[in-house]
């Protein structure tokens, strides 16, 4: 029997993830935090791929995993998208300025492209970035970005 939180504290949405080990590591983080993981197709790999599973083979039974054909379908399933936050290096607003609430969805784009600019323009202040010093690093690894954002949201919501 797979232990699943009936009302997860938060939800992580990966839109068209491309790198199997990133998704595997994110799945492990979601299992560790009781966070629901949504994957939006197309994926850049087969979810049964050993590279995905290698990141935590004994954790996969504890991942509350949902797959969707589109971001719209995903957000409908995750509560209509009213409380969705969109993470991007292109966003102006820091994730530390957001006020997360239980049940929020944290949406991340593909590793090589990120979320599309028209979507970021449409969501406005719901687009967030992880602050970094200087311009030497363009972005964080997706697994690290999810962990940083998720743990800040968990801290704010008092989920831990």
C-alpha atoms as a PDB file:
ATOM      1  CA  UNK A   1       0.000   0.000   0.000  1.00  0.00           C
ATOM      2  CA  UNK A   2       1.372   3.396  -0.992  1.00  0.00           C
ATOM      3  CA  UNK A   3       1.196   5.993   1.772  1.00  0.00           C
ATOM      4  CA  UNK A   4      -0.246   9.179   0.272  1.00  0.00           C
ATOM      5  CA  UNK A   5      -1.291  12.339   2.061  1.00  0.00           C
ATOM      6  CA  UNK A   6      -4.961  12.931   1.221  1.00  0.00           C
ATOM      7  CA  UNK A   7      -4.352  16.681   1.245  1.00  0.00           C
ATOM      8  CA  UNK A   8      -0.731  17.240   0.286  1.00  0.00           C
ATOM      9  CA  UNK A   9       0.856  20.344   1.784  1.00  0.00           C
ATOM     10  CA  UNK A  10       2.001  21.465  -1.674  1.00  0.00           C
ATOM     11  CA  UNK A  11       2.169  20.263  -5.250  1.00  0.00           C
ATOM     12  CA  UNK A  12       5.149  20.278  -7.600  1.00  0.00           C
ATOM     13  CA  UNK A  13       4.447  20.521 -11.330  1.00  0.00           C
ATOM     14  CA  UNK A  14       7.182  19.697 -13.844  1.00  0.00           C
ATOM     15  CA  UNK A  15       6.267  20.853 -17.342  1.00  0.00           C
ATOM     16  CA  UNK A  16       7.922  18.688 -19.997  1.00  0.00           C
ATOM     17  CA  UNK A  17      10.926  17.599 -17.896  1.00  0.00           C
ATOM     18  CA  UNK A  18      13.861  16.488 -20.048  1.00  0.00           C
ATOM     19  CA  UNK A  19      16.533  14.987 -17.795  1.00  0.00           C
ATOM     20  CA  UNK A  20      15.678  11.687 -16.071  1.00  0.00           C
ATOM     21  CA  UNK A  21      17.925  12.021 -12.990  1.00  0.00           C
ATOM     22  CA  UNK A  22      16.479  15.477 -12.241  1.00  0.00           C
ATOM     23  CA  UNK A  23      12.958  14.067 -12.190  1.00  0.00           C
ATOM     24  CA  UNK A  24      14.110  11.134 -10.063  1.00  0.00           C
ATOM     25  CA  UNK A  25      15.707  13.448  -7.507  1.00  0.00           C
ATOM     26  CA  UNK A  26      12.635  15.673  -7.443  1.00  0.00           C
ATOM     27  CA  UNK A  27      10.438  12.606  -6.914  1.00  0.00           C
ATOM     28  CA  UNK A  28      12.595  11.676  -3.911  1.00  0.00           C
ATOM     29  CA  UNK A  29      12.182  15.198  -2.484  1.00  0.00           C
ATOM     30  CA  UNK A  30       8.422  14.971  -3.009  1.00  0.00           C
ATOM     31  CA  UNK A  31       8.299  11.596  -1.226  1.00  0.00           C
ATOM     32  CA  UNK A  32      10.299  13.047   1.673  1.00  0.00           C
ATOM     33  CA  UNK A  33       7.905  15.981   2.068  1.00  0.00           C
ATOM     34  CA  UNK A  34       4.540  14.394   1.267  1.00  0.00           C
ATOM     35  CA  UNK A  35       4.272  16.626  -1.781  1.00  0.00           C
ATOM     36  CA  UNK A  36       2.238  15.542  -4.802  1.00  0.00           C
ATOM     37  CA  UNK A  37       4.271  15.411  -8.038  1.00  0.00           C
ATOM     38  CA  UNK A  38       2.638  16.250 -11.373  1.00  0.00           C
ATOM     39  CA  UNK A  39       4.416  15.553 -14.675  1.00  0.00           C
ATOM     40  CA  UNK A  40       3.150  17.327 -17.795  1.00  0.00           C
ATOM     41  CA  UNK A  41       3.776  15.524 -21.095  1.00  0.00           C
ATOM     42  CA  UNK A  42       5.617  15.206 -23.317  1.00  0.00           C
ATOM     43  CA  UNK A  43       8.421  13.923 -21.125  1.00  0.00           C
ATOM     44  CA  UNK A  44      11.973  13.784 -22.466  1.00  0.00           C
ATOM     45  CA  UNK A  45      12.239  10.166 -21.281  1.00  0.00           C
ATOM     46  CA  UNK A  46      10.199   7.113 -20.336  1.00  0.00           C
ATOM     47  CA  UNK A  47       9.082   7.334 -16.699  1.00  0.00           C
ATOM     48  CA  UNK A  48      10.122   3.706 -16.217  1.00  0.00           C
ATOM     49  CA  UNK A  49      13.643   4.610 -17.378  1.00  0.00           C
ATOM     50  CA  UNK A  50      16.289   3.254 -15.014  1.00  0.00           C
ATOM     51  CA  UNK A  51      17.930   6.688 -14.891  1.00  0.00           C
ATOM     52  CA  UNK A  52      14.753   8.120 -13.344  1.00  0.00           C
ATOM     53  CA  UNK A  53      14.313   5.229 -10.938  1.00  0.00           C
ATOM     54  CA  UNK A  54      17.993   5.149  -9.957  1.00  0.00           C
ATOM     55  CA  UNK A  55      17.572   8.427  -8.027  1.00  0.00           C
ATOM     56  CA  UNK A  56      15.547   6.593  -5.393  1.00  0.00           C
ATOM     57  CA  UNK A  57      14.336   3.108  -6.266  1.00  0.00           C
ATOM     58  CA  UNK A  58      12.966   2.426  -2.789  1.00  0.00           C
ATOM     59  CA  UNK A  59      11.242   5.833  -2.648  1.00  0.00           C
ATOM     60  CA  UNK A  60       9.059   5.511  -5.763  1.00  0.00           C
ATOM     61  CA  UNK A  61       6.248   3.643  -3.974  1.00  0.00           C
ATOM     62  CA  UNK A  62       5.939   6.712  -1.721  1.00  0.00           C
ATOM     63  CA  UNK A  63       5.648   9.258  -4.541  1.00  0.00           C
ATOM     64  CA  UNK A  64       2.141  10.610  -5.140  1.00  0.00           C
ATOM     65  CA  UNK A  65       2.660  10.814  -8.918  1.00  0.00           C
ATOM     66  CA  UNK A  66       0.167  12.170 -11.447  1.00  0.00           C
ATOM     67  CA  UNK A  67       0.728  12.534 -15.201  1.00  0.00           C
ATOM     68  CA  UNK A  68      -1.094  14.978 -17.491  1.00  0.00           C
ATOM     69  CA  UNK A  69      -1.276  15.757 -21.191  1.00  0.00           C
ATOM     70  CA  UNK A  70      -1.225  19.541 -20.744  1.00  0.00           C
ATOM     71  CA  UNK A  71      -0.517  22.205 -18.147  1.00  0.00           C
ATOM     72  CA  UNK A  72      -4.172  23.250 -18.220  1.00  0.00           C
ATOM     73  CA  UNK A  73      -5.305  19.691 -17.476  1.00  0.00           C
ATOM     74  CA  UNK A  74      -2.724  19.483 -14.693  1.00  0.00           C
ATOM     75  CA  UNK A  75      -3.787  22.730 -13.039  1.00  0.00           C
ATOM     76  CA  UNK A  76      -7.435  21.687 -13.211  1.00  0.00           C
ATOM     77  CA  UNK A  77      -6.551  18.446 -11.416  1.00  0.00           C
ATOM     78  CA  UNK A  78      -4.405  20.334  -8.881  1.00  0.00           C
ATOM     79  CA  UNK A  79      -7.148  22.713  -7.860  1.00  0.00           C
ATOM     80  CA  UNK A  80      -7.815  24.942 -10.835  1.00  0.00           C
ATOM     81  CA  UNK A  81      -4.522  26.792 -10.778  1.00  0.00           C
ATOM     82  CA  UNK A  82      -5.823  29.552  -8.502  1.00  0.00           C
ATOM     83  CA  UNK A  83      -2.840  29.072  -6.214  1.00  0.00           C
ATOM     84  CA  UNK A  84      -0.147  28.239  -8.759  1.00  0.00           C
ATOM     85  CA  UNK A  85       3.289  29.857  -8.693  1.00  0.00           C
ATOM     86  CA  UNK A  86       5.549  29.779 -11.760  1.00  0.00           C
ATOM     87  CA  UNK A  87       9.306  29.578 -11.235  1.00  0.00           C
ATOM     88  CA  UNK A  88      11.603  31.104 -13.821  1.00  0.00           C
ATOM     89  CA  UNK A  89      14.973  32.794 -14.045  1.00  0.00           C
ATOM     90  CA  UNK A  90      13.156  35.371 -16.228  1.00  0.00           C
ATOM     91  CA  UNK A  91      10.802  36.453 -13.431  1.00  0.00           C
ATOM     92  CA  UNK A  92      11.340  39.745 -11.607  1.00  0.00           C
ATOM     93  CA  UNK A  93       9.782  38.837  -8.249  1.00  0.00           C
ATOM     94  CA  UNK A  94      11.753  36.846  -5.663  1.00  0.00           C
ATOM     95  CA  UNK A  95      10.237  33.659  -4.301  1.00  0.00           C
ATOM     96  CA  UNK A  96      10.837  35.147  -0.829  1.00  0.00           C
ATOM     97  CA  UNK A  97       8.236  37.831  -1.620  1.00  0.00           C
ATOM     98  CA  UNK A  98       5.530  35.219  -2.209  1.00  0.00           C
ATOM     99  CA  UNK A  99       3.085  34.202   0.508  1.00  0.00           C
ATOM    100  CA  UNK A 100       2.605  30.479   0.022  1.00  0.00           C
ATOM    101  CA  UNK A 101      -0.462  28.648   1.306  1.00  0.00           C
ATOM    102  CA  UNK A 102      -1.211  24.950   1.835  1.00  0.00           C
ATOM    103  CA  UNK A 103      -2.172  23.270  -1.424  1.00  0.00           C
ATOM    104  CA  UNK A 104      -0.254  25.705  -3.652  1.00  0.00           C
ATOM    105  CA  UNK A 105       1.243  24.380  -6.878  1.00  0.00           C
ATOM    106  CA  UNK A 106       4.860  25.165  -7.735  1.00  0.00           C
ATOM    107  CA  UNK A 107       5.278  25.046 -11.519  1.00  0.00           C
ATOM    108  CA  UNK A 108       8.691  24.518 -13.159  1.00  0.00           C
ATOM    109  CA  UNK A 109       9.534  24.422 -16.861  1.00  0.00           C
ATOM    110  CA  UNK A 110      11.801  22.209 -18.945  1.00  0.00           C
ATOM    111  CA  UNK A 111      15.472  22.265 -18.024  1.00  0.00           C
ATOM    112  CA  UNK A 112      16.731  23.705 -21.316  1.00  0.00           C
ATOM    113  CA  UNK A 113      13.939  26.196 -22.063  1.00  0.00           C
ATOM    114  CA  UNK A 114      12.119  27.061 -18.867  1.00  0.00           C
ATOM    115  CA  UNK A 115       8.531  28.236 -18.910  1.00  0.00           C
ATOM    116  CA  UNK A 116       7.463  30.161 -22.030  1.00  0.00           C
ATOM    117  CA  UNK A 117       7.555  33.953 -21.797  1.00  0.00           C
ATOM    118  CA  UNK A 118       3.897  34.409 -22.880  1.00  0.00           C
ATOM    119  CA  UNK A 119       2.848  32.260 -19.908  1.00  0.00           C
ATOM    120  CA  UNK A 120       5.059  34.252 -17.533  1.00  0.00           C
ATOM    121  CA  UNK A 121       3.575  37.517 -18.850  1.00  0.00           C
ATOM    122  CA  UNK A 122       0.061  36.126 -18.394  1.00  0.00           C
ATOM    123  CA  UNK A 123       0.626  35.064 -14.755  1.00  0.00           C
ATOM    124  CA  UNK A 124       2.327  38.349 -13.799  1.00  0.00           C
ATOM    125  CA  UNK A 125       3.168  38.502 -10.076  1.00  0.00           C
ATOM    126  CA  UNK A 126       2.719  34.727  -9.802  1.00  0.00           C
ATOM    127  CA  UNK A 127       6.036  34.360 -11.661  1.00  0.00           C
ATOM    128  CA  UNK A 128       8.896  33.966  -9.197  1.00  0.00           C
ATOM    129  CA  UNK A 129      12.667  33.617  -9.362  1.00  0.00           C
ATOM    130  CA  UNK A 130      15.282  32.252  -7.008  1.00  0.00           C
ATOM    131  CA  UNK A 131      17.644  35.131  -6.208  1.00  0.00           C
ATOM    132  CA  UNK A 132      21.301  34.637  -7.134  1.00  0.00           C
ATOM    133  CA  UNK A 133      24.324  36.870  -6.813  1.00  0.00           C
ATOM    134  CA  UNK A 134      25.776  38.286 -10.001  1.00  0.00           C
ATOM    135  CA  UNK A 135      25.486  36.922 -13.506  1.00  0.00           C
ATOM    136  CA  UNK A 136      28.085  34.149 -13.345  1.00  0.00           C
ATOM    137  CA  UNK A 137      25.400  31.444 -13.030  1.00  0.00           C
ATOM    138  CA  UNK A 138      22.358  31.493 -15.328  1.00  0.00           C
ATOM    139  CA  UNK A 139      20.222  29.163 -13.243  1.00  0.00           C
ATOM    140  CA  UNK A 140      20.221  26.347 -10.717  1.00  0.00           C
ATOM    141  CA  UNK A 141      19.802  22.669 -11.509  1.00  0.00           C
ATOM    142  CA  UNK A 142      16.076  21.873 -11.647  1.00  0.00           C
ATOM    143  CA  UNK A 143      16.269  19.508  -8.674  1.00  0.00           C
ATOM    144  CA  UNK A 144      17.960  22.205  -6.592  1.00  0.00           C
ATOM    145  CA  UNK A 145      15.456  24.847  -7.703  1.00  0.00           C
ATOM    146  CA  UNK A 146      12.541  22.617  -6.709  1.00  0.00           C
ATOM    147  CA  UNK A 147      14.108  21.844  -3.321  1.00  0.00           C
ATOM    148  CA  UNK A 148      14.865  25.502  -2.516  1.00  0.00           C
ATOM    149  CA  UNK A 149      11.366  26.626  -3.483  1.00  0.00           C
ATOM    150  CA  UNK A 150       9.528  23.696  -1.934  1.00  0.00           C
ATOM    151  CA  UNK A 151      11.242  23.964   1.435  1.00  0.00           C
ATOM    152  CA  UNK A 152      10.615  27.718   1.594  1.00  0.00           C
ATOM    153  CA  UNK A 153       6.935  27.107   0.816  1.00  0.00           C
ATOM    154  CA  UNK A 154       6.780  24.336   3.437  1.00  0.00           C
ATOM    155  CA  UNK A 155       8.415  26.648   5.987  1.00  0.00           C
ATOM    156  CA  UNK A 156       5.908  29.404   5.274  1.00  0.00           C
ATOM    157  CA  UNK A 157       2.892  27.106   5.440  1.00  0.00           C
ATOM    158  CA  UNK A 158       4.034  25.489   8.674  1.00  0.00           C
ATOM    159  CA  UNK A 159       3.872  22.081   7.032  1.00  0.00           C
ATOM    160  CA  UNK A 160       7.027  20.953   8.832  1.00  0.00           C
END
